[in-house]
Amino acid sequence: MVVQTVEEENNFDIDLLTFPAHTTHILQPLDVIVFGPFKNYFRVEQASWMGKNPWVEVRRFGLAELASKEFKRALTPSNIKARFRRTGIWPLNVDSLIHDIGCSQAFYVEG
C-alpha cells in the first residue's frame, strides 16, 4: 500500500513531506495560527448566540452556520502562510527549524 502510494505521488509530480519523529507538536503549522484562533472566535460567537437565544437548543445546522463564519475568519491565506513561514517549513528555513526543534549541536551540519 505504501509503495503504491509513493509510486502514484511520483506519477502526479507530488512531493511527500514527512515530519521527523517527536516534532509534530512544533511543526503543526496550522494548529496555533488557524485552529487556536478559530476555537476562540467560535466560543465567543457561540456565547453571543446563546445570550441572544436563551432556552433554544443549538441544532446541527445552526452549529455548522456559527462555525463556518468563524472558520472563514480564522482560515485566511495570510494566517496560513505566516505559520508555514514561522515554522520554517516553507520557504525552507533550516535555522528556524533547528531553533524550534532544539536539535543537539552534535547533529547540526554547517554548510
PDB file of N, CA and C in Angstrom:
ATOM      1  N   MET A   1       0.823  -1.192   0.000  1.00  0.00           N
ATOM      2  CA  MET A   1       0.000   0.000   0.000  1.00  0.00           C
ATOM      3  C   MET A   1       0.868   1.258   0.000  1.00  0.00           C
ATOM      4  N   VAL A   2       1.880   1.310   0.863  1.00  0.00           N
ATOM      5  CA  VAL A   2       2.751   2.482   0.925  1.00  0.00           C
ATOM      6  C   VAL A   2       3.540   2.629  -0.365  1.00  0.00           C
ATOM      7  N   VAL A   3       4.059   1.521  -0.889  1.00  0.00           N
ATOM      8  CA  VAL A   3       4.831   1.562  -2.135  1.00  0.00           C
ATOM      9  C   VAL A   3       3.952   2.083  -3.266  1.00  0.00           C
ATOM     10  N   GLN A   4       2.715   1.618  -3.317  1.00  0.00           N
ATOM     11  CA  GLN A   4       1.794   2.070  -4.359  1.00  0.00           C
ATOM     12  C   GLN A   4       1.542   3.575  -4.227  1.00  0.00           C
ATOM     13  N   THR A   5       1.376   4.054  -3.020  1.00  0.00           N
ATOM     14  CA  THR A   5       1.153   5.484  -2.792  1.00  0.00           C
ATOM     15  C   THR A   5       2.351   6.303  -3.251  1.00  0.00           C
ATOM     16  N   VAL A   6       3.539   5.856  -2.923  1.00  0.00           N
ATOM     17  CA  VAL A   6       4.751   6.579  -3.330  1.00  0.00           C
ATOM     18  C   VAL A   6       4.865   6.586  -4.850  1.00  0.00           C
ATOM     19  N   GLU A   7       4.569   5.478  -5.484  1.00  0.00           N
ATOM     20  CA  GLU A   7       4.614   5.431  -6.948  1.00  0.00           C
ATOM     21  C   GLU A   7       3.593   6.383  -7.557  1.00  0.00           C
ATOM     22  N   GLU A   8       2.398   6.429  -6.986  1.00  0.00           N
ATOM     23  CA  GLU A   8       1.361   7.316  -7.516  1.00  0.00           C
ATOM     24  C   GLU A   8       1.730   8.786  -7.329  1.00  0.00           C
ATOM     25  N   GLU A   9       2.306   9.125  -6.174  1.00  0.00           N
ATOM     26  CA  GLU A   9       2.684  10.520  -5.988  1.00  0.00           C
ATOM     27  C   GLU A   9       3.778  10.910  -6.962  1.00  0.00           C
ATOM     28  N   ASN A  10       4.675   9.991  -7.312  1.00  0.00           N
ATOM     29  CA  ASN A  10       5.695  10.279  -8.317  1.00  0.00           C
ATOM     30  C   ASN A  10       5.062  10.506  -9.681  1.00  0.00           C
ATOM     31  N   ASN A  11       4.047   9.722 -10.012  1.00  0.00           N
ATOM     32  CA  ASN A  11       3.353   9.870 -11.298  1.00  0.00           C
ATOM     33  C   ASN A  11       2.658  11.224 -11.425  1.00  0.00           C
ATOM     34  N   PHE A  12       2.190  11.766 -10.310  1.00  0.00           N
ATOM     35  CA  PHE A  12       1.473  13.034 -10.329  1.00  0.00           C
ATOM     36  C   PHE A  12       2.357  14.215  -9.930  1.00  0.00           C
ATOM     37  N   ASP A  13       3.657  13.990  -9.852  1.00  0.00           N
ATOM     38  CA  ASP A  13       4.615  15.036  -9.514  1.00  0.00           C
ATOM     39  C   ASP A  13       4.272  15.717  -8.184  1.00  0.00           C
ATOM     40  N   ILE A  14       3.976  14.878  -7.181  1.00  0.00           N
ATOM     41  CA  ILE A  14       3.653  15.353  -5.841  1.00  0.00           C
ATOM     42  C   ILE A  14       4.844  15.071  -4.936  1.00  0.00           C
ATOM     43  N   ASP A  15       5.234  16.073  -4.164  1.00  0.00           N
ATOM     44  CA  ASP A  15       6.313  15.893  -3.194  1.00  0.00           C
ATOM     45  C   ASP A  15       5.720  15.505  -1.851  1.00  0.00           C
ATOM     46  N   LEU A  16       6.196  14.409  -1.296  1.00  0.00           N
ATOM     47  CA  LEU A  16       5.754  13.991   0.028  1.00  0.00           C
ATOM     48  C   LEU A  16       6.588  14.691   1.091  1.00  0.00           C
ATOM     49  N   LEU A  17       5.936  15.074   2.154  1.00  0.00           N
ATOM     50  CA  LEU A  17       6.617  15.725   3.258  1.00  0.00           C
ATOM     51  C   LEU A  17       6.330  14.930   4.517  1.00  0.00           C
ATOM     52  N   THR A  18       7.365  14.528   5.201  1.00  0.00           N
ATOM     53  CA  THR A  18       7.194  13.847   6.475  1.00  0.00           C
ATOM     54  C   THR A  18       7.901  14.642   7.552  1.00  0.00           C
ATOM     55  N   PHE A  19       7.379  14.598   8.741  1.00  0.00           N
ATOM     56  CA  PHE A  19       7.984  15.291   9.866  1.00  0.00           C
ATOM     57  C   PHE A  19       8.883  14.339  10.633  1.00  0.00           C
ATOM     58  N   PRO A  20      10.005  14.833  11.143  1.00  0.00           N
ATOM     59  CA  PRO A  20      10.858  13.995  11.984  1.00  0.00           C
ATOM     60  C   PRO A  20      10.098  13.555  13.234  1.00  0.00           C
ATOM     61  N   ALA A  21      10.471  12.430  13.771  1.00  0.00           N
ATOM     62  CA  ALA A  21       9.812  11.908  14.961  1.00  0.00           C
ATOM     63  C   ALA A  21       9.875  12.903  16.106  1.00  0.00           C
ATOM     64  N   HIS A  22       8.813  12.963  16.884  1.00  0.00           N
ATOM     65  CA  HIS A  22       8.716  13.790  18.090  1.00  0.00           C
ATOM     66  C   HIS A  22       8.816  15.287  17.813  1.00  0.00           C
ATOM     67  N   THR A  23       8.423  15.719  16.627  1.00  0.00           N
ATOM     68  CA  THR A  23       8.472  17.148  16.310  1.00  0.00           C
ATOM     69  C   THR A  23       7.126  17.694  15.856  1.00  0.00           C
ATOM     70  N   THR A  24       6.117  16.856  15.756  1.00  0.00           N
ATOM     71  CA  THR A  24       4.848  17.340  15.209  1.00  0.00           C
ATOM     72  C   THR A  24       4.219  18.419  16.073  1.00  0.00           C
ATOM     73  N   HIS A  25       4.465  18.414  17.391  1.00  0.00           N
ATOM     74  CA  HIS A  25       3.892  19.459  18.238  1.00  0.00           C
ATOM     75  C   HIS A  25       4.453  20.833  17.880  1.00  0.00           C
ATOM     76  N   ILE A  26       5.626  20.872  17.293  1.00  0.00           N
ATOM     77  CA  ILE A  26       6.240  22.133  16.879  1.00  0.00           C
ATOM     78  C   ILE A  26       5.922  22.421  15.417  1.00  0.00           C
ATOM     79  N   LEU A  27       5.866  21.384  14.617  1.00  0.00           N
ATOM     80  CA  LEU A  27       5.745  21.557  13.175  1.00  0.00           C
ATOM     81  C   LEU A  27       4.320  21.435  12.643  1.00  0.00           C
ATOM     82  N   GLN A  28       3.330  21.514  13.496  1.00  0.00           N
ATOM     83  CA  GLN A  28       1.959  21.516  13.002  1.00  0.00           C
ATOM     84  C   GLN A  28       1.588  22.963  12.687  1.00  0.00           C
ATOM     85  N   PRO A  29       1.826  23.370  11.476  1.00  0.00           N
ATOM     86  CA  PRO A  29       1.751  24.788  11.142  1.00  0.00           C
ATOM     87  C   PRO A  29       0.384  25.431  11.326  1.00  0.00           C
ATOM     88  N   LEU A  30      -0.683  24.686  11.220  1.00  0.00           N
ATOM     89  CA  LEU A  30      -1.993  25.321  11.298  1.00  0.00           C
ATOM     90  C   LEU A  30      -2.574  25.327  12.698  1.00  0.00           C
ATOM     91  N   ASP A  31      -2.010  24.545  13.593  1.00  0.00           N
ATOM     92  CA  ASP A  31      -2.574  24.428  14.937  1.00  0.00           C
ATOM     93  C   ASP A  31      -2.647  25.761  15.665  1.00  0.00           C
ATOM     94  N   VAL A  32      -1.553  26.471  15.726  1.00  0.00           N
ATOM     95  CA  VAL A  32      -1.508  27.692  16.528  1.00  0.00           C
ATOM     96  C   VAL A  32      -2.145  28.871  15.808  1.00  0.00           C
ATOM     97  N   ILE A  33      -1.799  29.079  14.558  1.00  0.00           N
ATOM     98  CA  ILE A  33      -2.229  30.273  13.842  1.00  0.00           C
ATOM     99  C   ILE A  33      -3.665  30.187  13.331  1.00  0.00           C
ATOM    100  N   VAL A  34      -4.161  28.999  13.010  1.00  0.00           N
ATOM    101  CA  VAL A  34      -5.504  28.890  12.451  1.00  0.00           C
ATOM    102  C   VAL A  34      -6.497  28.296  13.449  1.00  0.00           C
ATOM    103  N   PHE A  35      -6.222  27.104  13.948  1.00  0.00           N
ATOM    104  CA  PHE A  35      -7.214  26.423  14.767  1.00  0.00           C
ATOM    105  C   PHE A  35      -7.321  26.999  16.174  1.00  0.00           C
ATOM    106  N   GLY A  36      -6.232  27.526  16.715  1.00  0.00           N
ATOM    107  CA  GLY A  36      -6.305  28.181  18.020  1.00  0.00           C
ATOM    108  C   GLY A  36      -7.239  29.380  17.988  1.00  0.00           C
ATOM    109  N   PRO A  37      -7.012  30.332  17.067  1.00  0.00           N
ATOM    110  CA  PRO A  37      -7.938  31.466  16.961  1.00  0.00           C
ATOM    111  C   PRO A  37      -9.367  31.038  16.607  1.00  0.00           C
ATOM    112  N   PHE A  38      -9.497  30.030  15.747  1.00  0.00           N
ATOM    113  CA  PHE A  38     -10.845  29.554  15.392  1.00  0.00           C
ATOM    114  C   PHE A  38     -11.612  29.135  16.636  1.00  0.00           C
ATOM    115  N   LYS A  39     -10.959  28.384  17.516  1.00  0.00           N
ATOM    116  CA  LYS A  39     -11.634  27.939  18.736  1.00  0.00           C
ATOM    117  C   LYS A  39     -12.074  29.131  19.579  1.00  0.00           C
ATOM    118  N   ASN A  40     -11.209  30.127  19.687  1.00  0.00           N
ATOM    119  CA  ASN A  40     -11.564  31.317  20.470  1.00  0.00           C
ATOM    120  C   ASN A  40     -12.705  32.089  19.821  1.00  0.00           C
ATOM    121  N   TYR A  41     -12.629  32.321  18.504  1.00  0.00           N
ATOM    122  CA  TYR A  41     -13.698  33.020  17.791  1.00  0.00           C
ATOM    123  C   TYR A  41     -15.022  32.277  17.946  1.00  0.00           C
ATOM    124  N   PHE A  42     -14.960  30.962  17.812  1.00  0.00           N
ATOM    125  CA  PHE A  42     -16.188  30.159  17.886  1.00  0.00           C
ATOM    126  C   PHE A  42     -16.799  30.230  19.278  1.00  0.00           C
ATOM    127  N   ARG A  43     -15.980  30.163  20.316  1.00  0.00           N
ATOM    128  CA  ARG A  43     -16.504  30.249  21.685  1.00  0.00           C
ATOM    129  C   ARG A  43     -17.228  31.574  21.908  1.00  0.00           C
ATOM    130  N   VAL A  44     -16.647  32.655  21.427  1.00  0.00           N
ATOM    131  CA  VAL A  44     -17.265  33.973  21.578  1.00  0.00           C
ATOM    132  C   VAL A  44     -18.579  34.033  20.808  1.00  0.00           C
ATOM    133  N   GLU A  45     -18.568  33.563  19.562  1.00  0.00           N
ATOM    134  CA  GLU A  45     -19.779  33.566  18.732  1.00  0.00           C
ATOM    135  C   GLU A  45     -20.869  32.700  19.344  1.00  0.00           C
ATOM    136  N   GLN A  46     -20.477  31.545  19.855  1.00  0.00           N
ATOM    137  CA  GLN A  46     -21.440  30.630  20.474  1.00  0.00           C
ATOM    138  C   GLN A  46     -22.052  31.270  21.728  1.00  0.00           C
ATOM    139  N   ALA A  47     -21.225  31.897  22.548  1.00  0.00           N
ATOM    140  CA  ALA A  47     -21.729  32.556  23.756  1.00  0.00           C
ATOM    141  C   ALA A  47     -22.681  33.696  23.394  1.00  0.00           C
ATOM    142  N   SER A  48     -22.336  34.447  22.360  1.00  0.00           N
ATOM    143  CA  SER A  48     -23.194  35.539  21.905  1.00  0.00           C
ATOM    144  C   SER A  48     -24.539  35.002  21.425  1.00  0.00           C
ATOM    145  N   TRP A  49     -24.498  33.951  20.634  1.00  0.00           N
ATOM    146  CA  TRP A  49     -25.740  33.356  20.116  1.00  0.00           C
ATOM    147  C   TRP A  49     -26.609  32.838  21.255  1.00  0.00           C
ATOM    148  N   MET A  50     -25.964  32.179  22.217  1.00  0.00           N
ATOM    149  CA  MET A  50     -26.723  31.624  23.340  1.00  0.00           C
ATOM    150  C   MET A  50     -27.325  32.742  24.191  1.00  0.00           C
ATOM    151  N   GLY A  51     -26.620  33.886  24.292  1.00  0.00           N
ATOM    152  CA  GLY A  51     -27.166  35.020  25.028  1.00  0.00           C
ATOM    153  C   GLY A  51     -28.379  35.623  24.343  1.00  0.00           C
ATOM    154  N   LYS A  52     -28.378  35.613  23.016  1.00  0.00           N
ATOM    155  CA  LYS A  52     -29.496  36.162  22.248  1.00  0.00           C
ATOM    156  C   LYS A  52     -30.645  35.171  22.107  1.00  0.00           C
ATOM    157  N   ASN A  53     -30.372  33.900  22.312  1.00  0.00           N
ATOM    158  CA  ASN A  53     -31.374  32.847  22.124  1.00  0.00           C
ATOM    159  C   ASN A  53     -31.449  31.937  23.353  1.00  0.00           C
ATOM    160  N   PRO A  54     -31.821  32.508  24.498  1.00  0.00           N
ATOM    161  CA  PRO A  54     -31.870  31.659  25.693  1.00  0.00           C
ATOM    162  C   PRO A  54     -32.934  30.572  25.552  1.00  0.00           C
ATOM    163  N   TRP A  55     -32.633  29.462  26.082  1.00  0.00           N
ATOM    164  CA  TRP A  55     -33.530  28.299  26.109  1.00  0.00           C
ATOM    165  C   TRP A  55     -33.770  27.695  24.729  1.00  0.00           C
ATOM    166  N   VAL A  56     -32.963  28.064  23.757  1.00  0.00           N
ATOM    167  CA  VAL A  56     -33.087  27.476  22.422  1.00  0.00           C
ATOM    168  C   VAL A  56     -31.918  26.520  22.218  1.00  0.00           C
ATOM    169  N   GLU A  57     -32.238  25.314  21.828  1.00  0.00           N
ATOM    170  CA  GLU A  57     -31.197  24.308  21.595  1.00  0.00           C
ATOM    171  C   GLU A  57     -30.493  24.581  20.266  1.00  0.00           C
ATOM    172  N   VAL A  58     -29.191  24.518  20.276  1.00  0.00           N
ATOM    173  CA  VAL A  58     -28.431  24.693  19.043  1.00  0.00           C
ATOM    174  C   VAL A  58     -28.505  23.391  18.265  1.00  0.00           C
ATOM    175  N   ARG A  59     -29.053  23.450  17.089  1.00  0.00           N
ATOM    176  CA  ARG A  59     -29.171  22.263  16.227  1.00  0.00           C
ATOM    177  C   ARG A  59     -27.908  22.101  15.394  1.00  0.00           C
ATOM    178  N   ARG A  60     -27.788  20.950  14.783  1.00  0.00           N
ATOM    179  CA  ARG A  60     -26.600  20.626  13.991  1.00  0.00           C
ATOM    180  C   ARG A  60     -26.329  21.668  12.906  1.00  0.00           C
ATOM    181  N   PHE A  61     -27.337  22.066  12.170  1.00  0.00           N
ATOM    182  CA  PHE A  61     -27.133  23.013  11.076  1.00  0.00           C
ATOM    183  C   PHE A  61     -26.841  24.423  11.600  1.00  0.00           C
ATOM    184  N   GLY A  62     -27.436  24.783  12.707  1.00  0.00           N
ATOM    185  CA  GLY A  62     -27.142  26.068  13.321  1.00  0.00           C
ATOM    186  C   GLY A  62     -25.714  26.124  13.822  1.00  0.00           C
ATOM    187  N   LEU A  63     -25.256  25.026  14.375  1.00  0.00           N
ATOM    188  CA  LEU A  63     -23.876  24.940  14.846  1.00  0.00           C
ATOM    189  C   LEU A  63     -22.903  25.072  13.674  1.00  0.00           C
ATOM    190  N   ALA A  64     -23.236  24.404  12.580  1.00  0.00           N
ATOM    191  CA  ALA A  64     -22.387  24.494  11.386  1.00  0.00           C
ATOM    192  C   ALA A  64     -22.348  25.923  10.846  1.00  0.00           C
ATOM    193  N   GLU A  65     -23.467  26.614  10.910  1.00  0.00           N
ATOM    194  CA  GLU A  65     -23.501  28.002  10.432  1.00  0.00           C
ATOM    195  C   GLU A  65     -22.626  28.901  11.307  1.00  0.00           C
ATOM    196  N   LEU A  66     -22.735  28.728  12.619  1.00  0.00           N
ATOM    197  CA  LEU A  66     -21.893  29.512  13.531  1.00  0.00           C
ATOM    198  C   LEU A  66     -20.418  29.217  13.292  1.00  0.00           C
ATOM    199  N   ALA A  67     -20.100  27.947  13.160  1.00  0.00           N
ATOM    200  CA  ALA A  67     -18.701  27.544  12.987  1.00  0.00           C
ATOM    201  C   ALA A  67     -18.143  28.018  11.651  1.00  0.00           C
ATOM    202  N   SER A  68     -18.946  27.975  10.595  1.00  0.00           N
ATOM    203  CA  SER A  68     -18.422  28.340   9.268  1.00  0.00           C
ATOM    204  C   SER A  68     -18.025  29.804   9.208  1.00  0.00           C
ATOM    205  N   LYS A  69     -18.782  30.672   9.862  1.00  0.00           N
ATOM    206  CA  LYS A  69     -18.426  32.101   9.864  1.00  0.00           C
ATOM    207  C   LYS A  69     -17.067  32.308  10.534  1.00  0.00           C
ATOM    208  N   GLU A  70     -16.888  31.680  11.659  1.00  0.00           N
ATOM    209  CA  GLU A  70     -15.647  31.869  12.406  1.00  0.00           C
ATOM    210  C   GLU A  70     -14.481  31.125  11.767  1.00  0.00           C
ATOM    211  N   PHE A  71     -14.766  30.016  11.109  1.00  0.00           N
ATOM    212  CA  PHE A  71     -13.719  29.273  10.416  1.00  0.00           C
ATOM    213  C   PHE A  71     -13.158  30.118   9.277  1.00  0.00           C
ATOM    214  N   LYS A  72     -14.027  30.780   8.546  1.00  0.00           N
ATOM    215  CA  LYS A  72     -13.579  31.662   7.462  1.00  0.00           C
ATOM    216  C   LYS A  72     -12.757  32.822   8.006  1.00  0.00           C
ATOM    217  N   ARG A  73     -13.109  33.276   9.182  1.00  0.00           N
ATOM    218  CA  ARG A  73     -12.368  34.370   9.805  1.00  0.00           C
ATOM    219  C   ARG A  73     -10.955  33.933  10.199  1.00  0.00           C
ATOM    220  N   ALA A  74     -10.820  32.710  10.666  1.00  0.00           N
ATOM    221  CA  ALA A  74      -9.511  32.218  11.119  1.00  0.00           C
ATOM    222  C   ALA A  74      -8.675  31.648   9.977  1.00  0.00           C
ATOM    223  N   LEU A  75      -9.329  31.046   9.005  1.00  0.00           N
ATOM    224  CA  LEU A  75      -8.620  30.357   7.925  1.00  0.00           C
ATOM    225  C   LEU A  75      -8.399  31.310   6.757  1.00  0.00           C
ATOM    226  N   THR A  76      -7.457  32.207   6.909  1.00  0.00           N
ATOM    227  CA  THR A  76      -7.155  33.155   5.845  1.00  0.00           C
ATOM    228  C   THR A  76      -5.806  32.796   5.235  1.00  0.00           C
ATOM    229  N   PRO A  77      -5.614  33.112   3.973  1.00  0.00           N
ATOM    230  CA  PRO A  77      -4.317  32.823   3.344  1.00  0.00           C
ATOM    231  C   PRO A  77      -3.143  33.444   4.090  1.00  0.00           C
ATOM    232  N   SER A  78      -3.321  34.654   4.597  1.00  0.00           N
ATOM    233  CA  SER A  78      -2.204  35.287   5.302  1.00  0.00           C
ATOM    234  C   SER A  78      -1.866  34.556   6.597  1.00  0.00           C
ATOM    235  N   ASN A  79      -2.879  34.078   7.321  1.00  0.00           N
ATOM    236  CA  ASN A  79      -2.617  33.306   8.541  1.00  0.00           C
ATOM    237  C   ASN A  79      -1.890  32.005   8.224  1.00  0.00           C
ATOM    238  N   ILE A  80      -2.343  31.322   7.204  1.00  0.00           N
ATOM    239  CA  ILE A  80      -1.735  30.036   6.839  1.00  0.00           C
ATOM    240  C   ILE A  80      -0.284  30.236   6.409  1.00  0.00           C
ATOM    241  N   LYS A  81      -0.058  31.205   5.539  1.00  0.00           N
ATOM    242  CA  LYS A  81       1.306  31.467   5.065  1.00  0.00           C
ATOM    243  C   LYS A  81       2.222  31.864   6.215  1.00  0.00           C
ATOM    244  N   ALA A  82       1.703  32.665   7.135  1.00  0.00           N
ATOM    245  CA  ALA A  82       2.519  33.113   8.271  1.00  0.00           C
ATOM    246  C   ALA A  82       2.979  31.929   9.110  1.00  0.00           C
ATOM    247  N   ARG A  83       2.121  30.968   9.313  1.00  0.00           N
ATOM    248  CA  ARG A  83       2.501  29.832  10.159  1.00  0.00           C
ATOM    249  C   ARG A  83       3.507  28.934   9.460  1.00  0.00           C
ATOM    250  N   PHE A  84       3.339  28.688   8.183  1.00  0.00           N
ATOM    251  CA  PHE A  84       4.323  27.879   7.467  1.00  0.00           C
ATOM    252  C   PHE A  84       5.677  28.590   7.459  1.00  0.00           C
ATOM    253  N   ARG A  85       5.657  29.919   7.324  1.00  0.00           N
ATOM    254  CA  ARG A  85       6.899  30.690   7.359  1.00  0.00           C
ATOM    255  C   ARG A  85       7.517  30.615   8.752  1.00  0.00           C
ATOM    256  N   ARG A  86       6.706  30.748   9.788  1.00  0.00           N
ATOM    257  CA  ARG A  86       7.209  30.748  11.170  1.00  0.00           C
ATOM    258  C   ARG A  86       7.855  29.414  11.542  1.00  0.00           C
ATOM    259  N   THR A  87       7.276  28.324  11.083  1.00  0.00           N
ATOM    260  CA  THR A  87       7.843  27.014  11.419  1.00  0.00           C
ATOM    261  C   THR A  87       9.087  26.709  10.606  1.00  0.00           C
ATOM    262  N   GLY A  88       9.304  27.453   9.516  1.00  0.00           N
ATOM    263  CA  GLY A  88      10.467  27.195   8.674  1.00  0.00           C
ATOM    264  C   GLY A  88      10.227  26.099   7.660  1.00  0.00           C
ATOM    265  N   ILE A  89       8.967  25.676   7.529  1.00  0.00           N
ATOM    266  CA  ILE A  89       8.645  24.617   6.574  1.00  0.00           C
ATOM    267  C   ILE A  89       8.654  25.165   5.153  1.00  0.00           C
ATOM    268  N   TRP A  90       8.025  26.359   4.950  1.00  0.00           N
ATOM    269  CA  TRP A  90       8.007  26.965   3.617  1.00  0.00           C
ATOM    270  C   TRP A  90       7.985  28.466   3.735  1.00  0.00           C
ATOM    271  N   PRO A  91       8.867  29.182   3.120  1.00  0.00           N
ATOM    272  CA  PRO A  91      10.049  28.653   2.456  1.00  0.00           C
ATOM    273  C   PRO A  91      10.975  28.006   3.494  1.00  0.00           C
ATOM    274  N   LEU A  92      11.706  27.030   3.056  1.00  0.00           N
ATOM    275  CA  LEU A  92      12.542  26.260   3.958  1.00  0.00           C
ATOM    276  C   LEU A  92      13.529  27.172   4.682  1.00  0.00           C
ATOM    277  N   ASN A  93      13.521  27.100   6.000  1.00  0.00           N
ATOM    278  CA  ASN A  93      14.428  27.886   6.825  1.00  0.00           C
ATOM    279  C   ASN A  93      14.992  26.945   7.890  1.00  0.00           C
ATOM    280  N   VAL A  94      16.116  26.352   7.598  1.00  0.00           N
ATOM    281  CA  VAL A  94      16.718  25.356   8.478  1.00  0.00           C
ATOM    282  C   VAL A  94      17.031  25.939   9.843  1.00  0.00           C
ATOM    283  N   ASP A  95      17.482  27.194   9.889  1.00  0.00           N
ATOM    284  CA  ASP A  95      17.789  27.817  11.178  1.00  0.00           C
ATOM    285  C   ASP A  95      16.558  27.881  12.073  1.00  0.00           C
ATOM    286  N   SER A  96      15.423  28.214  11.498  1.00  0.00           N
ATOM    287  CA  SER A  96      14.184  28.265  12.267  1.00  0.00           C
ATOM    288  C   SER A  96      13.798  26.876  12.752  1.00  0.00           C
ATOM    289  N   LEU A  97      13.922  25.902  11.872  1.00  0.00           N
ATOM    290  CA  LEU A  97      13.586  24.529  12.252  1.00  0.00           C
ATOM    291  C   LEU A  97      14.467  24.042  13.385  1.00  0.00           C
ATOM    292  N   ILE A  98      15.750  24.270  13.271  1.00  0.00           N
ATOM    293  CA  ILE A  98      16.687  23.796  14.295  1.00  0.00           C
ATOM    294  C   ILE A  98      16.437  24.521  15.612  1.00  0.00           C
ATOM    295  N   HIS A  99      16.173  25.816  15.546  1.00  0.00           N
ATOM    296  CA  HIS A  99      15.911  26.578  16.766  1.00  0.00           C
ATOM    297  C   HIS A  99      14.653  26.072  17.458  1.00  0.00           C
ATOM    298  N   ASP A 100      13.583  25.875  16.700  1.00  0.00           N
ATOM    299  CA  ASP A 100      12.320  25.446  17.296  1.00  0.00           C
ATOM    300  C   ASP A 100      12.365  24.018  17.804  1.00  0.00           C
ATOM    301  N   ILE A 101      13.048  23.156  17.095  1.00  0.00           N
ATOM    302  CA  ILE A 101      13.101  21.752  17.490  1.00  0.00           C
ATOM    303  C   ILE A 101      14.110  21.544  18.615  1.00  0.00           C
ATOM    304  N   GLY A 102      15.124  22.365  18.636  1.00  0.00           N
ATOM    305  CA  GLY A 102      16.138  22.240  19.672  1.00  0.00           C
ATOM    306  C   GLY A 102      17.039  21.050  19.447  1.00  0.00           C
ATOM    307  N   CYS A 103      17.451  20.851  18.229  1.00  0.00           N
ATOM    308  CA  CYS A 103      18.337  19.735  17.912  1.00  0.00           C
ATOM    309  C   CYS A 103      19.669  19.877  18.631  1.00  0.00           C
ATOM    310  N   SER A 104      20.217  18.768  18.960  1.00  0.00           N
ATOM    311  CA  SER A 104      21.537  18.763  19.576  1.00  0.00           C
ATOM    312  C   SER A 104      22.551  19.284  18.573  1.00  0.00           C
ATOM    313  N   GLN A 105      23.528  20.029  19.053  1.00  0.00           N
ATOM    314  CA  GLN A 105      24.573  20.558  18.179  1.00  0.00           C
ATOM    315  C   GLN A 105      25.363  19.424  17.533  1.00  0.00           C
ATOM    316  N   ALA A 106      25.319  18.246  18.117  1.00  0.00           N
ATOM    317  CA  ALA A 106      26.034  17.105  17.554  1.00  0.00           C
ATOM    318  C   ALA A 106      25.469  16.738  16.186  1.00  0.00           C
ATOM    319  N   PHE A 107      24.198  17.087  15.940  1.00  0.00           N
ATOM    320  CA  PHE A 107      23.577  16.723  14.681  1.00  0.00           C
ATOM    321  C   PHE A 107      23.466  17.887  13.716  1.00  0.00           C
ATOM    322  N   TYR A 108      23.951  19.053  14.103  1.00  0.00           N
ATOM    323  CA  TYR A 108      23.866  20.227  13.252  1.00  0.00           C
ATOM    324  C   TYR A 108      25.031  20.221  12.259  1.00  0.00           C
ATOM    325  N   VAL A 109      24.678  20.301  11.001  1.00  0.00           N
ATOM    326  CA  VAL A 109      25.685  20.288   9.945  1.00  0.00           C
ATOM    327  C   VAL A 109      25.757  21.665   9.329  1.00  0.00           C
ATOM    328  N   GLU A 110      26.913  22.281   9.399  1.00  0.00           N
ATOM    329  CA  GLU A 110      27.075  23.597   8.778  1.00  0.00           C
ATOM    330  C   GLU A 110      27.322  23.417   7.276  1.00  0.00           C
ATOM    331  N   GLY A 111      26.866  24.361   6.523  1.00  0.00           N
ATOM    332  CA  GLY A 111      27.177  24.252   5.122  1.00  0.00           C
ATOM    333  C   GLY A 111      26.180  24.878   4.316  1.00  0.00           C
TER     334      GLY A 111
END
